[in-house]
PDB file of N, CA and C in Angstrom:
ATOM      1  N   UNK A   1     -12.810 -15.506 -35.938  1.00  0.00           N
ATOM      2  CA  UNK A   1     -14.170 -15.136 -36.267  1.00  0.00           C
ATOM      3  C   UNK A   1     -14.727 -16.151 -37.261  1.00  0.00           C
ATOM      4  N   UNK A   2     -15.956 -16.510 -37.087  1.00  0.00           N
ATOM      5  CA  UNK A   2     -16.622 -17.465 -37.950  1.00  0.00           C
ATOM      6  C   UNK A   2     -16.787 -16.873 -39.341  1.00  0.00           C
ATOM      7  N   UNK A   3     -16.539 -17.678 -40.367  1.00  0.00           N
ATOM      8  CA  UNK A   3     -16.625 -17.235 -41.750  1.00  0.00           C
ATOM      9  C   UNK A   3     -17.958 -17.707 -42.329  1.00  0.00           C
ATOM     10  N   UNK A   4     -18.993 -16.837 -42.353  1.00  0.00           N
ATOM     11  CA  UNK A   4     -20.323 -17.252 -42.803  1.00  0.00           C
ATOM     12  C   UNK A   4     -20.342 -17.721 -44.262  1.00  0.00           C
ATOM     13  N   UNK A   5     -19.564 -17.075 -45.124  1.00  0.00           N
ATOM     14  CA  UNK A   5     -19.553 -17.470 -46.536  1.00  0.00           C
ATOM     15  C   UNK A   5     -19.013 -18.893 -46.695  1.00  0.00           C
ATOM     16  N   UNK A   6     -17.944 -19.185 -45.986  1.00  0.00           N
ATOM     17  CA  UNK A   6     -17.371 -20.527 -46.060  1.00  0.00           C
ATOM     18  C   UNK A   6     -18.332 -21.562 -45.487  1.00  0.00           C
ATOM     19  N   UNK A   7     -18.996 -21.218 -44.382  1.00  0.00           N
ATOM     20  CA  UNK A   7     -19.964 -22.127 -43.782  1.00  0.00           C
ATOM     21  C   UNK A   7     -21.100 -22.413 -44.762  1.00  0.00           C
ATOM     22  N   UNK A   8     -21.633 -21.377 -45.397  1.00  0.00           N
ATOM     23  CA  UNK A   8     -22.724 -21.547 -46.360  1.00  0.00           C
ATOM     24  C   UNK A   8     -22.279 -22.382 -47.556  1.00  0.00           C
ATOM     25  N   UNK A   9     -21.059 -22.142 -48.054  1.00  0.00           N
ATOM     26  CA  UNK A   9     -20.543 -22.905 -49.196  1.00  0.00           C
ATOM     27  C   UNK A   9     -20.422 -24.386 -48.830  1.00  0.00           C
ATOM     28  N   UNK A  10     -19.840 -24.663 -47.665  1.00  0.00           N
ATOM     29  CA  UNK A  10     -19.710 -26.054 -47.228  1.00  0.00           C
ATOM     30  C   UNK A  10     -21.076 -26.703 -47.044  1.00  0.00           C
ATOM     31  N   UNK A  11     -22.011 -25.976 -46.461  1.00  0.00           N
ATOM     32  CA  UNK A  11     -23.356 -26.513 -46.264  1.00  0.00           C
ATOM     33  C   UNK A  11     -23.998 -26.812 -47.625  1.00  0.00           C
ATOM     34  N   UNK A  12     -23.840 -25.892 -48.577  1.00  0.00           N
ATOM     35  CA  UNK A  12     -24.392 -26.078 -49.919  1.00  0.00           C
ATOM     36  C   UNK A  12     -23.782 -27.270 -50.649  1.00  0.00           C
ATOM     37  N   UNK A  13     -22.521 -27.584 -50.352  1.00  0.00           N
ATOM     38  CA  UNK A  13     -21.844 -28.729 -50.969  1.00  0.00           C
ATOM     39  C   UNK A  13     -22.078 -30.010 -50.167  1.00  0.00           C
ATOM     40  N   UNK A  14     -22.999 -29.954 -49.212  1.00  0.00           N
ATOM     41  CA  UNK A  14     -23.359 -31.087 -48.370  1.00  0.00           C
ATOM     42  C   UNK A  14     -22.158 -31.628 -47.587  1.00  0.00           C
ATOM     43  N   UNK A  15     -21.302 -30.719 -47.149  1.00  0.00           N
ATOM     44  CA  UNK A  15     -20.163 -31.074 -46.313  1.00  0.00           C
ATOM     45  C   UNK A  15     -20.482 -30.680 -44.874  1.00  0.00           C
ATOM     46  N   UNK A  16     -19.938 -31.449 -43.971  1.00  0.00           N
ATOM     47  CA  UNK A  16     -20.082 -31.121 -42.562  1.00  0.00           C
ATOM     48  C   UNK A  16     -18.899 -30.236 -42.193  1.00  0.00           C
ATOM     49  N   UNK A  17     -19.177 -29.096 -41.635  1.00  0.00           N
ATOM     50  CA  UNK A  17     -18.104 -28.180 -41.221  1.00  0.00           C
ATOM     51  C   UNK A  17     -17.896 -28.322 -39.721  1.00  0.00           C
ATOM     52  N   UNK A  18     -16.640 -28.400 -39.320  1.00  0.00           N
ATOM     53  CA  UNK A  18     -16.315 -28.482 -37.901  1.00  0.00           C
ATOM     54  C   UNK A  18     -15.309 -27.416 -37.541  1.00  0.00           C
ATOM     55  N   UNK A  19     -15.331 -27.008 -36.307  1.00  0.00           N
ATOM     56  CA  UNK A  19     -14.402 -25.974 -35.854  1.00  0.00           C
ATOM     57  C   UNK A  19     -13.904 -26.331 -34.458  1.00  0.00           C
ATOM     58  N   UNK A  20     -12.666 -25.947 -34.173  1.00  0.00           N
ATOM     59  CA  UNK A  20     -12.088 -26.092 -32.847  1.00  0.00           C
ATOM     60  C   UNK A  20     -11.845 -24.690 -32.305  1.00  0.00           C
ATOM     61  N   UNK A  21     -12.515 -24.346 -31.227  1.00  0.00           N
ATOM     62  CA  UNK A  21     -12.332 -23.041 -30.597  1.00  0.00           C
ATOM     63  C   UNK A  21     -11.355 -23.207 -29.449  1.00  0.00           C
ATOM     64  N   UNK A  22     -10.416 -22.302 -29.335  1.00  0.00           N
ATOM     65  CA  UNK A  22      -9.389 -22.386 -28.306  1.00  0.00           C
ATOM     66  C   UNK A  22      -9.772 -21.479 -27.147  1.00  0.00           C
ATOM     67  N   UNK A  23      -9.872 -22.061 -25.952  1.00  0.00           N
ATOM     68  CA  UNK A  23     -10.217 -21.324 -24.742  1.00  0.00           C
ATOM     69  C   UNK A  23      -8.967 -21.236 -23.874  1.00  0.00           C
ATOM     70  N   UNK A  24      -8.527 -20.043 -23.596  1.00  0.00           N
ATOM     71  CA  UNK A  24      -7.311 -19.851 -22.802  1.00  0.00           C
ATOM     72  C   UNK A  24      -7.722 -19.708 -21.340  1.00  0.00           C
ATOM     73  N   UNK A  25      -7.668 -20.833 -20.593  1.00  0.00           N
ATOM     74  CA  UNK A  25      -8.096 -20.827 -19.188  1.00  0.00           C
ATOM     75  C   UNK A  25      -6.968 -20.418 -18.248  1.00  0.00           C
ATOM     76  N   UNK A  26      -5.818 -21.000 -18.412  1.00  0.00           N
ATOM     77  CA  UNK A  26      -4.683 -20.709 -17.536  1.00  0.00           C
ATOM     78  C   UNK A  26      -3.767 -19.718 -18.243  1.00  0.00           C
ATOM     79  N   UNK A  27      -4.243 -18.508 -18.368  1.00  0.00           N
ATOM     80  CA  UNK A  27      -3.581 -17.520 -19.207  1.00  0.00           C
ATOM     81  C   UNK A  27      -2.107 -17.316 -18.875  1.00  0.00           C
ATOM     82  N   UNK A  28      -1.755 -17.317 -17.608  1.00  0.00           N
ATOM     83  CA  UNK A  28      -0.376 -17.020 -17.257  1.00  0.00           C
ATOM     84  C   UNK A  28       0.489 -18.266 -17.130  1.00  0.00           C
ATOM     85  N   UNK A  29      -0.062 -19.441 -17.408  1.00  0.00           N
ATOM     86  CA  UNK A  29       0.693 -20.687 -17.303  1.00  0.00           C
ATOM     87  C   UNK A  29       1.416 -20.953 -18.622  1.00  0.00           C
ATOM     88  N   UNK A  30       2.462 -20.186 -18.882  1.00  0.00           N
ATOM     89  CA  UNK A  30       3.197 -20.280 -20.146  1.00  0.00           C
ATOM     90  C   UNK A  30       4.560 -20.930 -19.912  1.00  0.00           C
ATOM     91  N   UNK A  31       5.095 -21.486 -20.967  1.00  0.00           N
ATOM     92  CA  UNK A  31       6.418 -22.102 -20.915  1.00  0.00           C
ATOM     93  C   UNK A  31       7.488 -21.016 -20.979  1.00  0.00           C
ATOM     94  N   UNK A  32       8.408 -21.058 -20.045  1.00  0.00           N
ATOM     95  CA  UNK A  32       9.502 -20.079 -20.022  1.00  0.00           C
ATOM     96  C   UNK A  32      10.308 -20.144 -21.314  1.00  0.00           C
ATOM     97  N   UNK A  33      10.639 -21.364 -21.745  1.00  0.00           N
ATOM     98  CA  UNK A  33      11.421 -21.533 -22.977  1.00  0.00           C
ATOM     99  C   UNK A  33      10.711 -20.996 -24.194  1.00  0.00           C
ATOM    100  N   UNK A  34       9.402 -21.280 -24.308  1.00  0.00           N
ATOM    101  CA  UNK A  34       8.643 -20.776 -25.455  1.00  0.00           C
ATOM    102  C   UNK A  34       8.558 -19.253 -25.444  1.00  0.00           C
ATOM    103  N   UNK A  35       8.368 -18.684 -24.266  1.00  0.00           N
ATOM    104  CA  UNK A  35       8.285 -17.220 -24.177  1.00  0.00           C
ATOM    105  C   UNK A  35       9.608 -16.577 -24.579  1.00  0.00           C
ATOM    106  N   UNK A  36      10.706 -17.110 -24.085  1.00  0.00           N
ATOM    107  CA  UNK A  36      12.021 -16.538 -24.427  1.00  0.00           C
ATOM    108  C   UNK A  36      12.283 -16.676 -25.929  1.00  0.00           C
ATOM    109  N   UNK A  37      11.947 -17.839 -26.510  1.00  0.00           N
ATOM    110  CA  UNK A  37      12.117 -18.008 -27.966  1.00  0.00           C
ATOM    111  C   UNK A  37      11.238 -17.027 -28.739  1.00  0.00           C
ATOM    112  N   UNK A  38      10.037 -16.783 -28.239  1.00  0.00           N
ATOM    113  CA  UNK A  38       9.131 -15.814 -28.878  1.00  0.00           C
ATOM    114  C   UNK A  38       9.759 -14.423 -28.845  1.00  0.00           C
ATOM    115  N   UNK A  39      10.299 -14.027 -27.712  1.00  0.00           N
ATOM    116  CA  UNK A  39      10.945 -12.722 -27.598  1.00  0.00           C
ATOM    117  C   UNK A  39      12.128 -12.622 -28.558  1.00  0.00           C
ATOM    118  N   UNK A  40      12.932 -13.682 -28.627  1.00  0.00           N
ATOM    119  CA  UNK A  40      14.088 -13.687 -29.539  1.00  0.00           C
ATOM    120  C   UNK A  40      13.629 -13.564 -30.986  1.00  0.00           C
ATOM    121  N   UNK A  41      12.543 -14.253 -31.338  1.00  0.00           N
ATOM    122  CA  UNK A  41      12.046 -14.192 -32.720  1.00  0.00           C
ATOM    123  C   UNK A  41      11.513 -12.807 -33.070  1.00  0.00           C
ATOM    124  N   UNK A  42      11.140 -12.048 -32.057  1.00  0.00           N
ATOM    125  CA  UNK A  42      10.655 -10.678 -32.270  1.00  0.00           C
ATOM    126  C   UNK A  42      11.798  -9.672 -32.301  1.00  0.00           C
ATOM    127  N   UNK A  43      13.025 -10.158 -32.138  1.00  0.00           N
ATOM    128  CA  UNK A  43      14.170  -9.267 -32.176  1.00  0.00           C
ATOM    129  C   UNK A  43      14.482  -8.602 -30.844  1.00  0.00           C
ATOM    130  N   UNK A  44      13.900  -9.111 -29.763  1.00  0.00           N
ATOM    131  CA  UNK A  44      14.195  -8.565 -28.437  1.00  0.00           C
ATOM    132  C   UNK A  44      15.623  -8.961 -28.071  1.00  0.00           C
ATOM    133  N   UNK A  45      16.376  -8.023 -27.545  1.00  0.00           N
ATOM    134  CA  UNK A  45      17.790  -8.236 -27.250  1.00  0.00           C
ATOM    135  C   UNK A  45      18.053  -9.263 -26.163  1.00  0.00           C
ATOM    136  N   UNK A  46      19.266  -9.781 -26.135  1.00  0.00           N
ATOM    137  CA  UNK A  46      19.610 -10.846 -25.184  1.00  0.00           C
ATOM    138  C   UNK A  46      19.505 -10.423 -23.719  1.00  0.00           C
ATOM    139  N   UNK A  47      19.777  -9.167 -23.397  1.00  0.00           N
ATOM    140  CA  UNK A  47      19.676  -8.717 -22.001  1.00  0.00           C
ATOM    141  C   UNK A  47      18.233  -8.825 -21.498  1.00  0.00           C
ATOM    142  N   UNK A  48      17.273  -8.380 -22.315  1.00  0.00           N
ATOM    143  CA  UNK A  48      15.864  -8.452 -21.924  1.00  0.00           C
ATOM    144  C   UNK A  48      15.397  -9.908 -21.851  1.00  0.00           C
ATOM    145  N   UNK A  49      15.846 -10.742 -22.780  1.00  0.00           N
ATOM    146  CA  UNK A  49      15.482 -12.168 -22.756  1.00  0.00           C
ATOM    147  C   UNK A  49      16.008 -12.841 -21.492  1.00  0.00           C
ATOM    148  N   UNK A  50      17.237 -12.511 -21.109  1.00  0.00           N
ATOM    149  CA  UNK A  50      17.801 -13.071 -19.869  1.00  0.00           C
ATOM    150  C   UNK A  50      17.018 -12.568 -18.648  1.00  0.00           C
ATOM    151  N   UNK A  51      16.601 -11.300 -18.671  1.00  0.00           N
ATOM    152  CA  UNK A  51      15.823 -10.760 -17.566  1.00  0.00           C
ATOM    153  C   UNK A  51      14.498 -11.515 -17.430  1.00  0.00           C
ATOM    154  N   UNK A  52      13.817 -11.745 -18.552  1.00  0.00           N
ATOM    155  CA  UNK A  52      12.536 -12.471 -18.518  1.00  0.00           C
ATOM    156  C   UNK A  52      12.757 -13.888 -18.001  1.00  0.00           C
ATOM    157  N   UNK A  53      13.807 -14.542 -18.477  1.00  0.00           N
ATOM    158  CA  UNK A  53      14.100 -15.900 -18.008  1.00  0.00           C
ATOM    159  C   UNK A  53      14.362 -15.901 -16.499  1.00  0.00           C
ATOM    160  N   UNK A  54      15.110 -14.932 -16.023  1.00  0.00           N
ATOM    161  CA  UNK A  54      15.394 -14.818 -14.591  1.00  0.00           C
ATOM    162  C   UNK A  54      14.113 -14.527 -13.805  1.00  0.00           C
ATOM    163  N   UNK A  55      13.268 -13.668 -14.353  1.00  0.00           N
ATOM    164  CA  UNK A  55      11.988 -13.293 -13.732  1.00  0.00           C
ATOM    165  C   UNK A  55      11.107 -14.527 -13.511  1.00  0.00           C
ATOM    166  N   UNK A  56      11.242 -15.519 -14.385  1.00  0.00           N
ATOM    167  CA  UNK A  56      10.403 -16.713 -14.331  1.00  0.00           C
ATOM    168  C   UNK A  56      11.115 -17.922 -13.713  1.00  0.00           C
ATOM    169  N   UNK A  57      12.302 -17.728 -13.137  1.00  0.00           N
ATOM    170  CA  UNK A  57      13.105 -18.835 -12.619  1.00  0.00           C
ATOM    171  C   UNK A  57      13.231 -18.751 -11.096  1.00  0.00           C
ATOM    172  N   UNK A  58      13.402 -19.912 -10.464  1.00  0.00           N
ATOM    173  CA  UNK A  58      13.651 -20.001  -9.012  1.00  0.00           C
ATOM    174  C   UNK A  58      12.581 -19.284  -8.186  1.00  0.00           C
ATOM    175  N   UNK A  59      11.330 -19.612  -8.474  1.00  0.00           N
ATOM    176  CA  UNK A  59      10.225 -19.000  -7.723  1.00  0.00           C
ATOM    177  C   UNK A  59       9.581 -20.054  -6.831  1.00  0.00           C
ATOM    178  N   UNK A  60       9.071 -19.609  -5.713  1.00  0.00           N
ATOM    179  CA  UNK A  60       8.368 -20.471  -4.768  1.00  0.00           C
ATOM    180  C   UNK A  60       7.031 -19.854  -4.406  1.00  0.00           C
ATOM    181  N   UNK A  61       6.101 -20.707  -4.015  1.00  0.00           N
ATOM    182  CA  UNK A  61       4.813 -20.236  -3.509  1.00  0.00           C
ATOM    183  C   UNK A  61       4.579 -20.869  -2.148  1.00  0.00           C
ATOM    184  N   UNK A  62       3.783 -20.180  -1.350  1.00  0.00           N
ATOM    185  CA  UNK A  62       3.403 -20.691  -0.038  1.00  0.00           C
ATOM    186  C   UNK A  62       1.953 -20.292   0.190  1.00  0.00           C
ATOM    187  N   UNK A  63       1.149 -21.249   0.599  1.00  0.00           N
ATOM    188  CA  UNK A  63      -0.265 -20.988   0.871  1.00  0.00           C
ATOM    189  C   UNK A  63      -0.425 -20.688   2.348  1.00  0.00           C
ATOM    190  N   UNK A  64      -1.240 -19.662   2.638  1.00  0.00           N
ATOM    191  CA  UNK A  64      -1.568 -19.308   4.016  1.00  0.00           C
ATOM    192  C   UNK A  64      -3.087 -19.386   4.157  1.00  0.00           C
ATOM    193  N   UNK A  65      -3.544 -20.235   5.095  1.00  0.00           N
ATOM    194  CA  UNK A  65      -4.975 -20.385   5.346  1.00  0.00           C
ATOM    195  C   UNK A  65      -5.227 -20.114   6.819  1.00  0.00           C
ATOM    196  N   UNK A  66      -6.047 -19.110   7.071  1.00  0.00           N
ATOM    197  CA  UNK A  66      -6.371 -18.718   8.456  1.00  0.00           C
ATOM    198  C   UNK A  66      -5.128 -18.538   9.307  1.00  0.00           C
ATOM    199  N   UNK A  67      -4.095 -17.924   8.729  1.00  0.00           N
ATOM    200  CA  UNK A  67      -2.881 -17.639   9.465  1.00  0.00           C
ATOM    201  C   UNK A  67      -1.896 -18.789   9.547  1.00  0.00           C
ATOM    202  N   UNK A  68      -2.287 -19.962   9.077  1.00  0.00           N
ATOM    203  CA  UNK A  68      -1.396 -21.125   9.100  1.00  0.00           C
ATOM    204  C   UNK A  68      -0.696 -21.217   7.750  1.00  0.00           C
ATOM    205  N   UNK A  69       0.644 -21.188   7.786  1.00  0.00           N
ATOM    206  CA  UNK A  69       1.435 -21.209   6.562  1.00  0.00           C
ATOM    207  C   UNK A  69       1.810 -22.629   6.177  1.00  0.00           C
ATOM    208  N   UNK A  70       1.660 -22.918   4.880  1.00  0.00           N
ATOM    209  CA  UNK A  70       2.115 -24.197   4.351  1.00  0.00           C
ATOM    210  C   UNK A  70       3.586 -24.123   3.999  1.00  0.00           C
ATOM    211  N   UNK A  71       4.105 -25.213   3.459  1.00  0.00           N
ATOM    212  CA  UNK A  71       5.510 -25.264   3.056  1.00  0.00           C
ATOM    213  C   UNK A  71       5.700 -24.572   1.713  1.00  0.00           C
ATOM    214  N   UNK A  72       6.909 -24.055   1.495  1.00  0.00           N
ATOM    215  CA  UNK A  72       7.250 -23.492   0.191  1.00  0.00           C
ATOM    216  C   UNK A  72       7.250 -24.596  -0.852  1.00  0.00           C
ATOM    217  N   UNK A  73       6.746 -24.272  -2.020  1.00  0.00           N
ATOM    218  CA  UNK A  73       6.746 -25.200  -3.157  1.00  0.00           C
ATOM    219  C   UNK A  73       7.337 -24.481  -4.359  1.00  0.00           C
ATOM    220  N   UNK A  74       8.195 -25.180  -5.080  1.00  0.00           N
ATOM    221  CA  UNK A  74       8.807 -24.598  -6.282  1.00  0.00           C
ATOM    222  C   UNK A  74       7.776 -24.485  -7.398  1.00  0.00           C
ATOM    223  N   UNK A  75       7.869 -23.410  -8.162  1.00  0.00           N
ATOM    224  CA  UNK A  75       7.014 -23.181  -9.324  1.00  0.00           C
ATOM    225  C   UNK A  75       7.905 -23.264 -10.554  1.00  0.00           C
ATOM    226  N   UNK A  76       7.625 -24.214 -11.434  1.00  0.00           N
ATOM    227  CA  UNK A  76       8.485 -24.463 -12.599  1.00  0.00           C
ATOM    228  C   UNK A  76       8.040 -23.718 -13.851  1.00  0.00           C
ATOM    229  N   UNK A  77       6.752 -23.435 -13.981  1.00  0.00           N
ATOM    230  CA  UNK A  77       6.248 -22.782 -15.192  1.00  0.00           C
ATOM    231  C   UNK A  77       5.378 -21.598 -14.818  1.00  0.00           C
ATOM    232  N   UNK A  78       5.094 -20.798 -15.790  1.00  0.00           N
ATOM    233  CA  UNK A  78       4.139 -19.719 -15.611  1.00  0.00           C
ATOM    234  C   UNK A  78       4.775 -18.369 -15.364  1.00  0.00           C
ATOM    235  N   UNK A  79       3.988 -17.364 -15.670  1.00  0.00           N
ATOM    236  CA  UNK A  79       4.364 -15.973 -15.428  1.00  0.00           C
ATOM    237  C   UNK A  79       3.812 -15.609 -14.048  1.00  0.00           C
ATOM    238  N   UNK A  80       4.611 -14.971 -13.188  1.00  0.00           N
ATOM    239  CA  UNK A  80       4.115 -14.602 -11.857  1.00  0.00           C
ATOM    240  C   UNK A  80       2.862 -13.722 -11.945  1.00  0.00           C
ATOM    241  N   UNK A  81       1.794 -14.137 -11.279  1.00  0.00           N
ATOM    242  CA  UNK A  81       0.580 -13.338 -11.265  1.00  0.00           C
ATOM    243  C   UNK A  81       0.729 -12.211 -10.264  1.00  0.00           C
ATOM    244  N   UNK A  82       0.136 -11.085 -10.586  1.00  0.00           N
ATOM    245  CA  UNK A  82       0.187  -9.935  -9.700  1.00  0.00           C
ATOM    246  C   UNK A  82       1.294  -8.952 -10.034  1.00  0.00           C
ATOM    247  N   UNK A  83       2.193  -9.330 -10.919  1.00  0.00           N
ATOM    248  CA  UNK A  83       3.252  -8.424 -11.332  1.00  0.00           C
ATOM    249  C   UNK A  83       2.754  -7.564 -12.494  1.00  0.00           C
ATOM    250  N   UNK A  84       3.087  -6.287 -12.514  1.00  0.00           N
ATOM    251  CA  UNK A  84       2.646  -5.428 -13.616  1.00  0.00           C
ATOM    252  C   UNK A  84       3.182  -5.875 -14.983  1.00  0.00           C
ATOM    253  N   UNK A  85       4.299  -6.578 -15.014  1.00  0.00           N
ATOM    254  CA  UNK A  85       4.879  -6.992 -16.289  1.00  0.00           C
ATOM    255  C   UNK A  85       4.213  -8.264 -16.840  1.00  0.00           C
ATOM    256  N   UNK A  86       3.524  -9.024 -15.999  1.00  0.00           N
ATOM    257  CA  UNK A  86       2.947 -10.299 -16.425  1.00  0.00           C
ATOM    258  C   UNK A  86       1.943 -10.179 -17.573  1.00  0.00           C
ATOM    259  N   UNK A  87       0.982  -9.252 -17.527  1.00  0.00           N
ATOM    260  CA  UNK A  87       0.060  -9.133 -18.664  1.00  0.00           C
ATOM    261  C   UNK A  87       0.779  -8.757 -19.970  1.00  0.00           C
ATOM    262  N   UNK A  88       1.846  -7.991 -19.858  1.00  0.00           N
ATOM    263  CA  UNK A  88       2.613  -7.619 -21.055  1.00  0.00           C
ATOM    264  C   UNK A  88       3.290  -8.855 -21.640  1.00  0.00           C
ATOM    265  N   UNK A  89       3.900  -9.663 -20.785  1.00  0.00           N
ATOM    266  CA  UNK A  89       4.557 -10.888 -21.266  1.00  0.00           C
ATOM    267  C   UNK A  89       3.538 -11.843 -21.872  1.00  0.00           C
ATOM    268  N   UNK A  90       2.355 -11.942 -21.270  1.00  0.00           N
ATOM    269  CA  UNK A  90       1.317 -12.794 -21.839  1.00  0.00           C
ATOM    270  C   UNK A  90       0.879 -12.276 -23.208  1.00  0.00           C
ATOM    271  N   UNK A  91       0.724 -10.962 -23.330  1.00  0.00           N
ATOM    272  CA  UNK A  91       0.323 -10.370 -24.619  1.00  0.00           C
ATOM    273  C   UNK A  91       1.365 -10.624 -25.699  1.00  0.00           C
ATOM    274  N   UNK A  92       2.624 -10.727 -25.319  1.00  0.00           N
ATOM    275  CA  UNK A  92       3.693 -11.059 -26.269  1.00  0.00           C
ATOM    276  C   UNK A  92       3.640 -12.541 -26.607  1.00  0.00           C
ATOM    277  N   UNK A  93       3.343 -13.373 -25.627  1.00  0.00           N
ATOM    278  CA  UNK A  93       3.386 -14.829 -25.781  1.00  0.00           C
ATOM    279  C   UNK A  93       2.235 -15.383 -26.627  1.00  0.00           C
ATOM    280  N   UNK A  94       1.003 -14.950 -26.351  1.00  0.00           N
ATOM    281  CA  UNK A  94      -0.176 -15.610 -26.922  1.00  0.00           C
ATOM    282  C   UNK A  94      -0.268 -15.514 -28.447  1.00  0.00           C
ATOM    283  N   UNK A  95       0.117 -14.424 -29.102  1.00  0.00           N
ATOM    284  CA  UNK A  95       0.061 -14.436 -30.567  1.00  0.00           C
ATOM    285  C   UNK A  95       0.960 -15.517 -31.173  1.00  0.00           C
ATOM    286  N   UNK A  96       2.067 -15.816 -30.524  1.00  0.00           N
ATOM    287  CA  UNK A  96       2.951 -16.870 -31.002  1.00  0.00           C
ATOM    288  C   UNK A  96       2.286 -18.238 -30.951  1.00  0.00           C
ATOM    289  N   UNK A  97       1.438 -18.454 -29.952  1.00  0.00           N
ATOM    290  CA  UNK A  97       0.702 -19.713 -29.857  1.00  0.00           C
ATOM    291  C   UNK A  97      -0.241 -19.843 -31.041  1.00  0.00           C
ATOM    292  N   UNK A  98      -1.009 -18.785 -31.329  1.00  0.00           N
ATOM    293  CA  UNK A  98      -1.946 -18.829 -32.439  1.00  0.00           C
ATOM    294  C   UNK A  98      -1.221 -18.949 -33.780  1.00  0.00           C
ATOM    295  N   UNK A  99      -0.088 -18.280 -33.915  1.00  0.00           N
ATOM    296  CA  UNK A  99       0.695 -18.402 -35.148  1.00  0.00           C
ATOM    297  C   UNK A  99       1.162 -19.838 -35.354  1.00  0.00           C
ATOM    298  N   UNK A 100       1.577 -20.491 -34.279  1.00  0.00           N
ATOM    299  CA  UNK A 100       2.030 -21.880 -34.374  1.00  0.00           C
ATOM    300  C   UNK A 100       0.877 -22.802 -34.758  1.00  0.00           C
ATOM    301  N   UNK A 101      -0.292 -22.578 -34.179  1.00  0.00           N
ATOM    302  CA  UNK A 101      -1.473 -23.373 -34.532  1.00  0.00           C
ATOM    303  C   UNK A 101      -1.810 -23.161 -36.000  1.00  0.00           C
ATOM    304  N   UNK A 102      -1.819 -21.913 -36.439  1.00  0.00           N
ATOM    305  CA  UNK A 102      -2.113 -21.612 -37.842  1.00  0.00           C
ATOM    306  C   UNK A 102      -1.109 -22.272 -38.771  1.00  0.00           C
ATOM    307  N   UNK A 103       0.161 -22.238 -38.400  1.00  0.00           N
ATOM    308  CA  UNK A 103       1.210 -22.819 -39.236  1.00  0.00           C
ATOM    309  C   UNK A 103       1.041 -24.329 -39.358  1.00  0.00           C
ATOM    310  N   UNK A 104       0.726 -24.976 -38.258  1.00  0.00           N
ATOM    311  CA  UNK A 104       0.644 -26.437 -38.252  1.00  0.00           C
ATOM    312  C   UNK A 104      -0.689 -26.985 -38.737  1.00  0.00           C
ATOM    313  N   UNK A 105      -1.778 -26.227 -38.532  1.00  0.00           N
ATOM    314  CA  UNK A 105      -3.098 -26.794 -38.768  1.00  0.00           C
ATOM    315  C   UNK A 105      -3.910 -26.081 -39.844  1.00  0.00           C
ATOM    316  N   UNK A 106      -3.429 -24.977 -40.379  1.00  0.00           N
ATOM    317  CA  UNK A 106      -4.208 -24.255 -41.380  1.00  0.00           C
ATOM    318  C   UNK A 106      -5.411 -23.582 -40.760  1.00  0.00           C
ATOM    319  N   UNK A 107      -5.177 -22.692 -39.827  1.00  0.00           N
ATOM    320  CA  UNK A 107      -6.266 -22.059 -39.092  1.00  0.00           C
ATOM    321  C   UNK A 107      -6.602 -20.686 -39.645  1.00  0.00           C
ATOM    322  N   UNK A 108      -7.782 -20.209 -39.280  1.00  0.00           N
ATOM    323  CA  UNK A 108      -8.196 -18.838 -39.557  1.00  0.00           C
ATOM    324  C   UNK A 108      -8.344 -18.156 -38.206  1.00  0.00           C
ATOM    325  N   UNK A 109      -7.367 -17.361 -37.824  1.00  0.00           N
ATOM    326  CA  UNK A 109      -7.400 -16.746 -36.497  1.00  0.00           C
ATOM    327  C   UNK A 109      -7.298 -17.821 -35.437  1.00  0.00           C
ATOM    328  N   UNK A 110      -8.212 -17.817 -34.486  1.00  0.00           N
ATOM    329  CA  UNK A 110      -8.197 -18.851 -33.452  1.00  0.00           C
ATOM    330  C   UNK A 110      -9.246 -19.922 -33.733  1.00  0.00           C
ATOM    331  N   UNK A 111      -9.701 -20.003 -34.991  1.00  0.00           N
ATOM    332  CA  UNK A 111     -10.715 -20.965 -35.380  1.00  0.00           C
ATOM    333  C   UNK A 111     -10.121 -21.905 -36.412  1.00  0.00           C
ATOM    334  N   UNK A 112     -10.112 -23.192 -36.114  1.00  0.00           N
ATOM    335  CA  UNK A 112      -9.565 -24.190 -37.031  1.00  0.00           C
ATOM    336  C   UNK A 112     -10.701 -24.806 -37.830  1.00  0.00           C
ATOM    337  N   UNK A 113     -10.491 -24.965 -39.134  1.00  0.00           N
ATOM    338  CA  UNK A 113     -11.521 -25.495 -40.012  1.00  0.00           C
ATOM    339  C   UNK A 113     -11.125 -26.834 -40.600  1.00  0.00           C
ATOM    340  N   UNK A 114     -12.096 -27.675 -40.762  1.00  0.00           N
ATOM    341  CA  UNK A 114     -11.949 -28.864 -41.571  1.00  0.00           C
ATOM    342  C   UNK A 114     -13.324 -29.227 -42.098  1.00  0.00           C
ATOM    343  N   UNK A 115     -13.372 -29.943 -43.204  1.00  0.00           N
ATOM    344  CA  UNK A 115     -14.663 -30.354 -43.751  1.00  0.00           C
ATOM    345  C   UNK A 115     -14.615 -31.821 -44.116  1.00  0.00           C
ATOM    346  N   UNK A 116     -15.772 -32.483 -44.090  1.00  0.00           N
ATOM    347  CA  UNK A 116     -15.884 -33.879 -44.492  1.00  0.00           C
ATOM    348  C   UNK A 116     -17.008 -33.988 -45.495  1.00  0.00           C
ATOM    349  N   UNK A 117     -16.989 -34.798 -46.513  1.00  0.00           N
ATOM    350  CA  UNK A 117     -15.799 -35.518 -46.968  1.00  0.00           C
ATOM    351  C   UNK A 117     -14.827 -34.567 -47.608  1.00  0.00           C
ATOM    352  N   UNK A 118     -13.545 -34.955 -47.586  1.00  0.00           N
ATOM    353  CA  UNK A 118     -12.423 -34.146 -48.034  1.00  0.00           C
ATOM    354  C   UNK A 118     -12.627 -33.535 -49.355  1.00  0.00           C
TER     355      UNK A 118
END
């Protein structure tokens, strides 16, 4: 969320305020390794972590257009779309992304701040 007080203070100090907004377009395109590490950091047991890893491993897709089937293609990343568990796994995964951004960049929620001159 935009911080109006901070914006006004920076404007009053003749600083230019900039923000980076994060848009999550490919919501289910998550890294299997990052998701499993996120689950482990939350204290999720090894059996469930192995299940999630298995759920996201050795998957193939095939496109069918007007009854004509294409070749199977391996899928290396992402949570399977259409599964009832996928939105839950995404909800577990995405806060970890924002936490990592905040840790590395000094963010406020999903909004990163910087001002010039320093």
